[in-house]
Amino acid sequence: MTVPAWLLVLLTILAVFRLTRLVNEDAITAPLRRWLVGYDGELEEGEVGRWGYFITCPWCVSIWVGTVVSVVAVLWGDNRVVLIGLVALAASASTGLIASNLDR
């Protein structure tokens, strides 16, 4: 199955957006963020360590997520399993964006 390059790029962008948001903001990853930020009594409220800063910074996370997702898309973009993953992440990102705009 050959996927047009523009579609693969669009799916990759939306997948990177969704995965970055999952790491930075979603409730399901909040325990991981709290653990990495180090709110265990050692740091003052609002102060974060190196990993805490990394995991709460969308710019920091997106470059690494973007690199991995882009490499996967370029090398295996015609693989059905990869396409299903990209489409699922893109659909999730699109649904979230649409829902947040409808809720306004």
PDB file of N, CA and C in Angstrom:
ATOM      1  N   MET A   1       0.839  -1.172   0.000  1.00  0.00           N
ATOM      2  CA  MET A   1       0.000   0.000   0.000  1.00  0.00           C
ATOM      3  C   MET A   1       0.886   1.238   0.000  1.00  0.00           C
ATOM      4  N   THR A   2       0.678   2.105  -0.959  1.00  0.00           N
ATOM      5  CA  THR A   2       1.458   3.338  -1.040  1.00  0.00           C
ATOM      6  C   THR A   2       0.620   4.497  -0.495  1.00  0.00           C
ATOM      7  N   VAL A   3       1.201   5.195   0.439  1.00  0.00           N
ATOM      8  CA  VAL A   3       0.533   6.341   1.053  1.00  0.00           C
ATOM      9  C   VAL A   3       1.129   7.606   0.462  1.00  0.00           C
ATOM     10  N   PRO A   4       0.287   8.560   0.032  1.00  0.00           N
ATOM     11  CA  PRO A   4       0.830   9.819  -0.478  1.00  0.00           C
ATOM     12  C   PRO A   4       1.680  10.513   0.595  1.00  0.00           C
ATOM     13  N   ALA A   5       2.752  11.125   0.169  1.00  0.00           N
ATOM     14  CA  ALA A   5       3.678  11.769   1.107  1.00  0.00           C
ATOM     15  C   ALA A   5       2.978  12.833   1.951  1.00  0.00           C
ATOM     16  N   TRP A   6       2.092  13.616   1.347  1.00  0.00           N
ATOM     17  CA  TRP A   6       1.404  14.678   2.102  1.00  0.00           C
ATOM     18  C   TRP A   6       0.549  14.099   3.217  1.00  0.00           C
ATOM     19  N   LEU A   7      -0.066  12.939   2.966  1.00  0.00           N
ATOM     20  CA  LEU A   7      -0.898  12.309   3.988  1.00  0.00           C
ATOM     21  C   LEU A   7      -0.035  11.753   5.114  1.00  0.00           C
ATOM     22  N   LEU A   8       1.083  11.170   4.768  1.00  0.00           N
ATOM     23  CA  LEU A   8       1.994  10.647   5.779  1.00  0.00           C
ATOM     24  C   LEU A   8       2.544  11.768   6.654  1.00  0.00           C
ATOM     25  N   VAL A   9       2.857  12.899   6.049  1.00  0.00           N
ATOM     26  CA  VAL A   9       3.334  14.062   6.810  1.00  0.00           C
ATOM     27  C   VAL A   9       2.244  14.562   7.755  1.00  0.00           C
ATOM     28  N   LEU A  10       1.021  14.672   7.252  1.00  0.00           N
ATOM     29  CA  LEU A  10      -0.094  15.142   8.083  1.00  0.00           C
ATOM     30  C   LEU A  10      -0.345  14.188   9.252  1.00  0.00           C
ATOM     31  N   LEU A  11      -0.361  12.899   8.980  1.00  0.00           N
ATOM     32  CA  LEU A  11      -0.554  11.921  10.045  1.00  0.00           C
ATOM     33  C   LEU A  11       0.573  11.984  11.075  1.00  0.00           C
ATOM     34  N   THR A  12       1.787  12.167  10.599  1.00  0.00           N
ATOM     35  CA  THR A  12       2.941  12.264  11.498  1.00  0.00           C
ATOM     36  C   THR A  12       2.835  13.492  12.393  1.00  0.00           C
ATOM     37  N   ILE A  13       2.462  14.623  11.815  1.00  0.00           N
ATOM     38  CA  ILE A  13       2.319  15.858  12.607  1.00  0.00           C
ATOM     39  C   ILE A  13       1.268  15.681  13.689  1.00  0.00           C
ATOM     40  N   LEU A  14       0.121  15.147  13.320  1.00  0.00           N
ATOM     41  CA  LEU A  14      -0.949  14.956  14.300  1.00  0.00           C
ATOM     42  C   LEU A  14      -0.563  13.916  15.357  1.00  0.00           C
ATOM     43  N   ALA A  15       0.156  12.881  14.954  1.00  0.00           N
ATOM     44  CA  ALA A  15       0.610  11.865  15.911  1.00  0.00           C
ATOM     45  C   ALA A  15       1.602  12.460  16.911  1.00  0.00           C
ATOM     46  N   VAL A  16       2.508  13.286  16.428  1.00  0.00           N
ATOM     47  CA  VAL A  16       3.473  13.945  17.324  1.00  0.00           C
ATOM     48  C   VAL A  16       2.747  14.869  18.295  1.00  0.00           C
ATOM     49  N   PHE A  17       1.779  15.614  17.793  1.00  0.00           N
ATOM     50  CA  PHE A  17       0.979  16.491  18.660  1.00  0.00           C
ATOM     51  C   PHE A  17       0.305  15.680  19.759  1.00  0.00           C
ATOM     52  N   ARG A  18      -0.331  14.566  19.378  1.00  0.00           N
ATOM     53  CA  ARG A  18      -1.078  13.764  20.351  1.00  0.00           C
ATOM     54  C   ARG A  18      -0.154  13.138  21.386  1.00  0.00           C
ATOM     55  N   LEU A  19       0.957  12.570  20.951  1.00  0.00           N
ATOM     56  CA  LEU A  19       1.880  11.943  21.900  1.00  0.00           C
ATOM     57  C   LEU A  19       2.529  12.963  22.828  1.00  0.00           C
ATOM     58  N   THR A  20       2.851  14.140  22.295  1.00  0.00           N
ATOM     59  CA  THR A  20       3.431  15.201  23.128  1.00  0.00           C
ATOM     60  C   THR A  20       2.434  15.637  24.190  1.00  0.00           C
ATOM     61  N   ARG A  21       1.191  15.800  23.791  1.00  0.00           N
ATOM     62  CA  ARG A  21       0.150  16.199  24.746  1.00  0.00           C
ATOM     63  C   ARG A  21      -0.075  15.099  25.786  1.00  0.00           C
ATOM     64  N   LEU A  22       0.013  13.848  25.358  1.00  0.00           N
ATOM     65  CA  LEU A  22      -0.127  12.732  26.294  1.00  0.00           C
ATOM     66  C   LEU A  22       0.939  12.811  27.385  1.00  0.00           C
ATOM     67  N   VAL A  23       2.155  13.078  26.991  1.00  0.00           N
ATOM     68  CA  VAL A  23       3.251  13.162  27.961  1.00  0.00           C
ATOM     69  C   VAL A  23       3.124  14.416  28.828  1.00  0.00           C
ATOM     70  N   ASN A  24       2.773  15.562  28.223  1.00  0.00           N
ATOM     71  CA  ASN A  24       2.767  16.836  28.938  1.00  0.00           C
ATOM     72  C   ASN A  24       1.531  17.128  29.776  1.00  0.00           C
ATOM     73  N   GLU A  25       0.364  16.737  29.308  1.00  0.00           N
ATOM     74  CA  GLU A  25      -0.837  17.266  29.945  1.00  0.00           C
ATOM     75  C   GLU A  25      -1.905  16.263  30.330  1.00  0.00           C
ATOM     76  N   ASP A  26      -1.958  15.115  29.732  1.00  0.00           N
ATOM     77  CA  ASP A  26      -3.068  14.201  29.983  1.00  0.00           C
ATOM     78  C   ASP A  26      -3.044  13.649  31.399  1.00  0.00           C
ATOM     79  N   ALA A  27      -4.248  13.440  31.941  1.00  0.00           N
ATOM     80  CA  ALA A  27      -4.392  12.957  33.318  1.00  0.00           C
ATOM     81  C   ALA A  27      -3.802  11.562  33.500  1.00  0.00           C
ATOM     82  N   ILE A  28      -3.857  10.748  32.473  1.00  0.00           N
ATOM     83  CA  ILE A  28      -3.383   9.371  32.603  1.00  0.00           C
ATOM     84  C   ILE A  28      -1.876   9.298  32.878  1.00  0.00           C
ATOM     85  N   THR A  29      -1.127  10.290  32.433  1.00  0.00           N
ATOM     86  CA  THR A  29       0.319  10.308  32.685  1.00  0.00           C
ATOM     87  C   THR A  29       0.704  11.230  33.840  1.00  0.00           C
ATOM     88  N   ALA A  30      -0.280  11.772  34.558  1.00  0.00           N
ATOM     89  CA  ALA A  30       0.007  12.673  35.680  1.00  0.00           C
ATOM     90  C   ALA A  30       0.856  12.005  36.769  1.00  0.00           C
ATOM     91  N   PRO A  31       0.586  10.747  37.137  1.00  0.00           N
ATOM     92  CA  PRO A  31       1.453  10.131  38.161  1.00  0.00           C
ATOM     93  C   PRO A  31       2.919  10.049  37.726  1.00  0.00           C
ATOM     94  N   LEU A  32       3.156   9.755  36.469  1.00  0.00           N
ATOM     95  CA  LEU A  32       4.529   9.710  35.958  1.00  0.00           C
ATOM     96  C   LEU A  32       5.165  11.095  36.017  1.00  0.00           C
ATOM     97  N   ARG A  33       4.408  12.112  35.620  1.00  0.00           N
ATOM     98  CA  ARG A  33       4.938  13.485  35.684  1.00  0.00           C
ATOM     99  C   ARG A  33       5.244  13.882  37.119  1.00  0.00           C
ATOM    100  N   ARG A  34       4.335  13.585  38.043  1.00  0.00           N
ATOM    101  CA  ARG A  34       4.571  13.935  39.456  1.00  0.00           C
ATOM    102  C   ARG A  34       5.824  13.230  39.979  1.00  0.00           C
ATOM    103  N   TRP A  35       6.005  11.981  39.596  1.00  0.00           N
ATOM    104  CA  TRP A  35       7.183  11.229  40.046  1.00  0.00           C
ATOM    105  C   TRP A  35       8.457  11.833  39.475  1.00  0.00           C
ATOM    106  N   LEU A  36       8.443  12.168  38.177  1.00  0.00           N
ATOM    107  CA  LEU A  36       9.636  12.720  37.550  1.00  0.00           C
ATOM    108  C   LEU A  36       9.916  14.153  37.982  1.00  0.00           C
ATOM    109  N   VAL A  37       8.861  14.913  38.243  1.00  0.00           N
ATOM    110  CA  VAL A  37       9.058  16.294  38.687  1.00  0.00           C
ATOM    111  C   VAL A  37       9.696  16.298  40.065  1.00  0.00           C
ATOM    112  N   GLY A  38       9.400  15.314  40.887  1.00  0.00           N
ATOM    113  CA  GLY A  38      10.064  15.199  42.176  1.00  0.00           C
ATOM    114  C   GLY A  38       9.337  15.839  43.322  1.00  0.00           C
ATOM    115  N   TYR A  39       8.016  15.866  43.264  1.00  0.00           N
ATOM    116  CA  TYR A  39       7.267  16.409  44.395  1.00  0.00           C
ATOM    117  C   TYR A  39       7.209  15.372  45.503  1.00  0.00           C
ATOM    118  N   ASP A  40       8.350  15.121  46.088  1.00  0.00           N
ATOM    119  CA  ASP A  40       8.442  14.141  47.173  1.00  0.00           C
ATOM    120  C   ASP A  40       8.949  14.801  48.452  1.00  0.00           C
ATOM    121  N   GLY A  41       8.828  16.096  48.512  1.00  0.00           N
ATOM    122  CA  GLY A  41       9.281  16.822  49.680  1.00  0.00           C
ATOM    123  C   GLY A  41      10.651  17.441  49.526  1.00  0.00           C
ATOM    124  N   GLU A  42      11.394  17.045  48.493  1.00  0.00           N
ATOM    125  CA  GLU A  42      12.740  17.578  48.300  1.00  0.00           C
ATOM    126  C   GLU A  42      12.736  18.911  47.575  1.00  0.00           C
ATOM    127  N   LEU A  43      11.757  19.134  46.713  1.00  0.00           N
ATOM    128  CA  LEU A  43      11.707  20.361  45.934  1.00  0.00           C
ATOM    129  C   LEU A  43      10.582  21.244  46.427  1.00  0.00           C
ATOM    130  N   GLU A  44      10.776  22.524  46.297  1.00  0.00           N
ATOM    131  CA  GLU A  44       9.724  23.474  46.638  1.00  0.00           C
ATOM    132  C   GLU A  44       8.624  23.413  45.577  1.00  0.00           C
ATOM    133  N   GLU A  45       7.418  23.800  45.948  1.00  0.00           N
ATOM    134  CA  GLU A  45       6.312  23.832  45.001  1.00  0.00           C
ATOM    135  C   GLU A  45       6.679  24.719  43.815  1.00  0.00           C
ATOM    136  N   GLY A  46       6.476  24.228  42.615  1.00  0.00           N
ATOM    137  CA  GLY A  46       6.792  24.985  41.411  1.00  0.00           C
ATOM    138  C   GLY A  46       8.206  24.782  40.907  1.00  0.00           C
ATOM    139  N   GLU A  47       9.081  24.238  41.734  1.00  0.00           N
ATOM    140  CA  GLU A  47      10.453  23.967  41.323  1.00  0.00           C
ATOM    141  C   GLU A  47      10.518  22.559  40.753  1.00  0.00           C
ATOM    142  N   VAL A  48      11.201  22.426  39.643  1.00  0.00           N
ATOM    143  CA  VAL A  48      11.314  21.099  39.033  1.00  0.00           C
ATOM    144  C   VAL A  48      12.776  20.797  38.768  1.00  0.00           C
ATOM    145  N   GLY A  49      13.091  19.527  38.762  1.00  0.00           N
ATOM    146  CA  GLY A  49      14.437  19.102  38.418  1.00  0.00           C
ATOM    147  C   GLY A  49      14.588  19.011  36.913  1.00  0.00           C
ATOM    148  N   ARG A  50      15.692  18.461  36.465  1.00  0.00           N
ATOM    149  CA  ARG A  50      15.984  18.342  35.035  1.00  0.00           C
ATOM    150  C   ARG A  50      14.914  17.530  34.318  1.00  0.00           C
ATOM    151  N   TRP A  51      14.573  16.347  34.849  1.00  0.00           N
ATOM    152  CA  TRP A  51      13.575  15.504  34.199  1.00  0.00           C
ATOM    153  C   TRP A  51      12.180  16.111  34.316  1.00  0.00           C
ATOM    154  N   GLY A  52      11.934  16.765  35.426  1.00  0.00           N
ATOM    155  CA  GLY A  52      10.645  17.430  35.601  1.00  0.00           C
ATOM    156  C   GLY A  52      10.448  18.525  34.575  1.00  0.00           C
ATOM    157  N   TYR A  53      11.486  19.298  34.334  1.00  0.00           N
ATOM    158  CA  TYR A  53      11.399  20.344  33.319  1.00  0.00           C
ATOM    159  C   TYR A  53      11.191  19.716  31.942  1.00  0.00           C
ATOM    160  N   PHE A  54      11.947  18.682  31.657  1.00  0.00           N
ATOM    161  CA  PHE A  54      11.842  18.037  30.349  1.00  0.00           C
ATOM    162  C   PHE A  54      10.426  17.535  30.089  1.00  0.00           C
ATOM    163  N   ILE A  55       9.860  16.851  31.047  1.00  0.00           N
ATOM    164  CA  ILE A  55       8.562  16.213  30.825  1.00  0.00           C
ATOM    165  C   ILE A  55       7.400  17.203  30.850  1.00  0.00           C
ATOM    166  N   THR A  56       7.597  18.384  31.380  1.00  0.00           N
ATOM    167  CA  THR A  56       6.530  19.387  31.399  1.00  0.00           C
ATOM    168  C   THR A  56       6.696  20.438  30.307  1.00  0.00           C
ATOM    169  N   CYS A  57       7.744  20.354  29.526  1.00  0.00           N
ATOM    170  CA  CYS A  57       8.013  21.320  28.453  1.00  0.00           C
ATOM    171  C   CYS A  57       7.600  20.716  27.109  1.00  0.00           C
ATOM    172  N   PRO A  58       6.525  21.242  26.475  1.00  0.00           N
ATOM    173  CA  PRO A  58       6.100  20.666  25.204  1.00  0.00           C
ATOM    174  C   PRO A  58       7.156  20.776  24.110  1.00  0.00           C
ATOM    175  N   TRP A  59       7.940  21.830  24.122  1.00  0.00           N
ATOM    176  CA  TRP A  59       8.997  21.981  23.122  1.00  0.00           C
ATOM    177  C   TRP A  59      10.055  20.898  23.293  1.00  0.00           C
ATOM    178  N   CYS A  60      10.391  20.604  24.554  1.00  0.00           N
ATOM    179  CA  CYS A  60      11.423  19.599  24.844  1.00  0.00           C
ATOM    180  C   CYS A  60      10.967  18.206  24.444  1.00  0.00           C
ATOM    181  N   VAL A  61       9.754  17.863  24.803  1.00  0.00           N
ATOM    182  CA  VAL A  61       9.239  16.526  24.510  1.00  0.00           C
ATOM    183  C   VAL A  61       8.998  16.353  23.018  1.00  0.00           C
ATOM    184  N   SER A  62       8.456  17.384  22.370  1.00  0.00           N
ATOM    185  CA  SER A  62       8.054  17.242  20.970  1.00  0.00           C
ATOM    186  C   SER A  62       9.227  16.978  20.030  1.00  0.00           C
ATOM    187  N   ILE A  63      10.400  17.479  20.338  1.00  0.00           N
ATOM    188  CA  ILE A  63      11.530  17.239  19.445  1.00  0.00           C
ATOM    189  C   ILE A  63      11.923  15.762  19.460  1.00  0.00           C
ATOM    190  N   TRP A  64      11.862  15.146  20.628  1.00  0.00           N
ATOM    191  CA  TRP A  64      12.213  13.725  20.720  1.00  0.00           C
ATOM    192  C   TRP A  64      11.094  12.844  20.176  1.00  0.00           C
ATOM    193  N   VAL A  65       9.868  13.162  20.532  1.00  0.00           N
ATOM    194  CA  VAL A  65       8.728  12.415  19.997  1.00  0.00           C
ATOM    195  C   VAL A  65       8.686  12.574  18.476  1.00  0.00           C
ATOM    196  N   GLY A  66       8.892  13.799  17.996  1.00  0.00           N
ATOM    197  CA  GLY A  66       8.882  14.055  16.560  1.00  0.00           C
ATOM    198  C   GLY A  66       9.964  13.293  15.825  1.00  0.00           C
ATOM    199  N   THR A  67      11.119  13.198  16.421  1.00  0.00           N
ATOM    200  CA  THR A  67      12.214  12.454  15.796  1.00  0.00           C
ATOM    201  C   THR A  67      11.857  10.978  15.663  1.00  0.00           C
ATOM    202  N   VAL A  68      11.379  10.391  16.741  1.00  0.00           N
ATOM    203  CA  VAL A  68      11.038   8.961  16.720  1.00  0.00           C
ATOM    204  C   VAL A  68       9.889   8.685  15.753  1.00  0.00           C
ATOM    205  N   VAL A  69       8.821   9.469  15.838  1.00  0.00           N
ATOM    206  CA  VAL A  69       7.657   9.237  14.975  1.00  0.00           C
ATOM    207  C   VAL A  69       8.028   9.473  13.509  1.00  0.00           C
ATOM    208  N   SER A  70       8.834  10.476  13.230  1.00  0.00           N
ATOM    209  CA  SER A  70       9.246  10.743  11.853  1.00  0.00           C
ATOM    210  C   SER A  70      10.091   9.617  11.277  1.00  0.00           C
ATOM    211  N   VAL A  71      11.019   9.111  12.066  1.00  0.00           N
ATOM    212  CA  VAL A  71      11.849   7.991  11.605  1.00  0.00           C
ATOM    213  C   VAL A  71      10.967   6.772  11.322  1.00  0.00           C
ATOM    214  N   VAL A  72      10.048   6.480  12.221  1.00  0.00           N
ATOM    215  CA  VAL A  72       9.138   5.349  12.019  1.00  0.00           C
ATOM    216  C   VAL A  72       8.303   5.564  10.760  1.00  0.00           C
ATOM    217  N   ALA A  73       7.769   6.770  10.576  1.00  0.00           N
ATOM    218  CA  ALA A  73       6.931   7.060   9.404  1.00  0.00           C
ATOM    219  C   ALA A  73       7.721   6.952   8.105  1.00  0.00           C
ATOM    220  N   VAL A  74       8.957   7.428   8.100  1.00  0.00           N
ATOM    221  CA  VAL A  74       9.769   7.380   6.878  1.00  0.00           C
ATOM    222  C   VAL A  74      10.193   5.941   6.558  1.00  0.00           C
ATOM    223  N   LEU A  75      10.626   5.214   7.571  1.00  0.00           N
ATOM    224  CA  LEU A  75      11.124   3.862   7.326  1.00  0.00           C
ATOM    225  C   LEU A  75      10.020   2.832   7.109  1.00  0.00           C
ATOM    226  N   TRP A  76       8.915   2.980   7.836  1.00  0.00           N
ATOM    227  CA  TRP A  76       7.865   1.964   7.784  1.00  0.00           C
ATOM    228  C   TRP A  76       6.490   2.558   7.502  1.00  0.00           C
ATOM    229  N   GLY A  77       6.436   3.677   6.802  1.00  0.00           N
ATOM    230  CA  GLY A  77       5.174   4.362   6.535  1.00  0.00           C
ATOM    231  C   GLY A  77       4.183   3.568   5.710  1.00  0.00           C
ATOM    232  N   ASP A  78       4.645   2.567   4.977  1.00  0.00           N
ATOM    233  CA  ASP A  78       3.735   1.732   4.184  1.00  0.00           C
ATOM    234  C   ASP A  78       3.278   0.484   4.940  1.00  0.00           C
ATOM    235  N   ASN A  79       3.787   0.284   6.133  1.00  0.00           N
ATOM    236  CA  ASN A  79       3.396  -0.858   6.948  1.00  0.00           C
ATOM    237  C   ASN A  79       2.016  -0.592   7.547  1.00  0.00           C
ATOM    238  N   ARG A  80       1.120  -1.548   7.435  1.00  0.00           N
ATOM    239  CA  ARG A  80      -0.256  -1.357   7.912  1.00  0.00           C
ATOM    240  C   ARG A  80      -0.334  -1.104   9.409  1.00  0.00           C
ATOM    241  N   VAL A  81       0.480  -1.769  10.181  1.00  0.00           N
ATOM    242  CA  VAL A  81       0.456  -1.573  11.631  1.00  0.00           C
ATOM    243  C   VAL A  81       0.883  -0.149  11.975  1.00  0.00           C
ATOM    244  N   VAL A  82       1.915   0.340  11.322  1.00  0.00           N
ATOM    245  CA  VAL A  82       2.371   1.713  11.546  1.00  0.00           C
ATOM    246  C   VAL A  82       1.287   2.694  11.118  1.00  0.00           C
ATOM    247  N   LEU A  83       0.677   2.454   9.971  1.00  0.00           N
ATOM    248  CA  LEU A  83      -0.396   3.337   9.500  1.00  0.00           C
ATOM    249  C   LEU A  83      -1.582   3.353  10.458  1.00  0.00           C
ATOM    250  N   ILE A  84      -1.936   2.192  10.972  1.00  0.00           N
ATOM    251  CA  ILE A  84      -3.039   2.138  11.938  1.00  0.00           C
ATOM    252  C   ILE A  84      -2.700   2.978  13.165  1.00  0.00           C
ATOM    253  N   GLY A  85      -1.468   2.870  13.656  1.00  0.00           N
ATOM    254  CA  GLY A  85      -1.044   3.675  14.801  1.00  0.00           C
ATOM    255  C   GLY A  85      -1.078   5.160  14.505  1.00  0.00           C
ATOM    256  N   LEU A  86      -0.562   5.543  13.335  1.00  0.00           N
ATOM    257  CA  LEU A  86      -0.563   6.958  12.959  1.00  0.00           C
ATOM    258  C   LEU A  86      -1.982   7.487  12.797  1.00  0.00           C
ATOM    259  N   VAL A  87      -2.843   6.704  12.153  1.00  0.00           N
ATOM    260  CA  VAL A  87      -4.232   7.133  11.964  1.00  0.00           C
ATOM    261  C   VAL A  87      -4.947   7.236  13.314  1.00  0.00           C
ATOM    262  N   ALA A  88      -4.723   6.279  14.193  1.00  0.00           N
ATOM    263  CA  ALA A  88      -5.362   6.323  15.513  1.00  0.00           C
ATOM    264  C   ALA A  88      -4.927   7.555  16.302  1.00  0.00           C
ATOM    265  N   LEU A  89      -3.639   7.844  16.295  1.00  0.00           N
ATOM    266  CA  LEU A  89      -3.142   9.030  17.004  1.00  0.00           C
ATOM    267  C   LEU A  89      -3.647  10.309  16.357  1.00  0.00           C
ATOM    268  N   ALA A  90      -3.671  10.348  15.028  1.00  0.00           N
ATOM    269  CA  ALA A  90      -4.176  11.529  14.315  1.00  0.00           C
ATOM    270  C   ALA A  90      -5.668  11.729  14.582  1.00  0.00           C
ATOM    271  N   ALA A  91      -6.427  10.640  14.603  1.00  0.00           N
ATOM    272  CA  ALA A  91      -7.857  10.746  14.893  1.00  0.00           C
ATOM    273  C   ALA A  91      -8.087  11.231  16.320  1.00  0.00           C
ATOM    274  N   SER A  92      -7.296  10.740  17.247  1.00  0.00           N
ATOM    275  CA  SER A  92      -7.401  11.181  18.633  1.00  0.00           C
ATOM    276  C   SER A  92      -7.081  12.664  18.765  1.00  0.00           C
ATOM    277  N   ALA A  93      -6.024  13.109  18.105  1.00  0.00           N
ATOM    278  CA  ALA A  93      -5.647  14.522  18.142  1.00  0.00           C
ATOM    279  C   ALA A  93      -6.744  15.386  17.530  1.00  0.00           C
ATOM    280  N   SER A  94      -7.260  14.963  16.390  1.00  0.00           N
ATOM    281  CA  SER A  94      -8.307  15.731  15.705  1.00  0.00           C
ATOM    282  C   SER A  94      -9.570  15.803  16.546  1.00  0.00           C
ATOM    283  N   THR A  95      -9.965  14.683  17.127  1.00  0.00           N
ATOM    284  CA  THR A  95     -11.162  14.656  17.966  1.00  0.00           C
ATOM    285  C   THR A  95     -10.995  15.562  19.177  1.00  0.00           C
ATOM    286  N   GLY A  96      -9.839  15.529  19.799  1.00  0.00           N
ATOM    287  CA  GLY A  96      -9.580  16.397  20.944  1.00  0.00           C
ATOM    288  C   GLY A  96      -9.637  17.864  20.586  1.00  0.00           C
ATOM    289  N   LEU A  97      -9.039  18.220  19.457  1.00  0.00           N
ATOM    290  CA  LEU A  97      -9.061  19.617  19.016  1.00  0.00           C
ATOM    291  C   LEU A  97     -10.480  20.078  18.685  1.00  0.00           C
ATOM    292  N   ILE A  98     -11.225  19.228  17.997  1.00  0.00           N
ATOM    293  CA  ILE A  98     -12.596  19.586  17.640  1.00  0.00           C
ATOM    294  C   ILE A  98     -13.464  19.694  18.882  1.00  0.00           C
ATOM    295  N   ALA A  99     -13.347  18.731  19.794  1.00  0.00           N
ATOM    296  CA  ALA A  99     -14.141  18.747  21.011  1.00  0.00           C
ATOM    297  C   ALA A  99     -13.843  19.978  21.867  1.00  0.00           C
ATOM    298  N   SER A 100     -12.568  20.352  21.980  1.00  0.00           N
ATOM    299  CA  SER A 100     -12.225  21.523  22.789  1.00  0.00           C
ATOM    300  C   SER A 100     -12.776  22.799  22.171  1.00  0.00           C
ATOM    301  N   ASN A 101     -12.858  22.857  20.843  1.00  0.00           N
ATOM    302  CA  ASN A 101     -13.447  24.042  20.197  1.00  0.00           C
ATOM    303  C   ASN A 101     -14.960  24.049  20.297  1.00  0.00           C
ATOM    304  N   LEU A 102     -15.590  22.892  20.320  1.00  0.00           N
ATOM    305  CA  LEU A 102     -17.045  22.823  20.448  1.00  0.00           C
ATOM    306  C   LEU A 102     -17.487  23.141  21.881  1.00  0.00           C
ATOM    307  N   ASP A 103     -16.621  22.868  22.849  1.00  0.00           N
ATOM    308  CA  ASP A 103     -16.955  23.106  24.255  1.00  0.00           C
ATOM    309  C   ASP A 103     -16.867  24.571  24.659  1.00  0.00           C
ATOM    310  N   ARG A 104     -16.351  25.397  23.790  1.00  0.00           N
ATOM    311  CA  ARG A 104     -16.198  26.824  24.130  1.00  0.00           C
ATOM    312  C   ARG A 104     -17.506  27.538  24.168  1.00  0.00           C
TER     313      ARG A 104
END
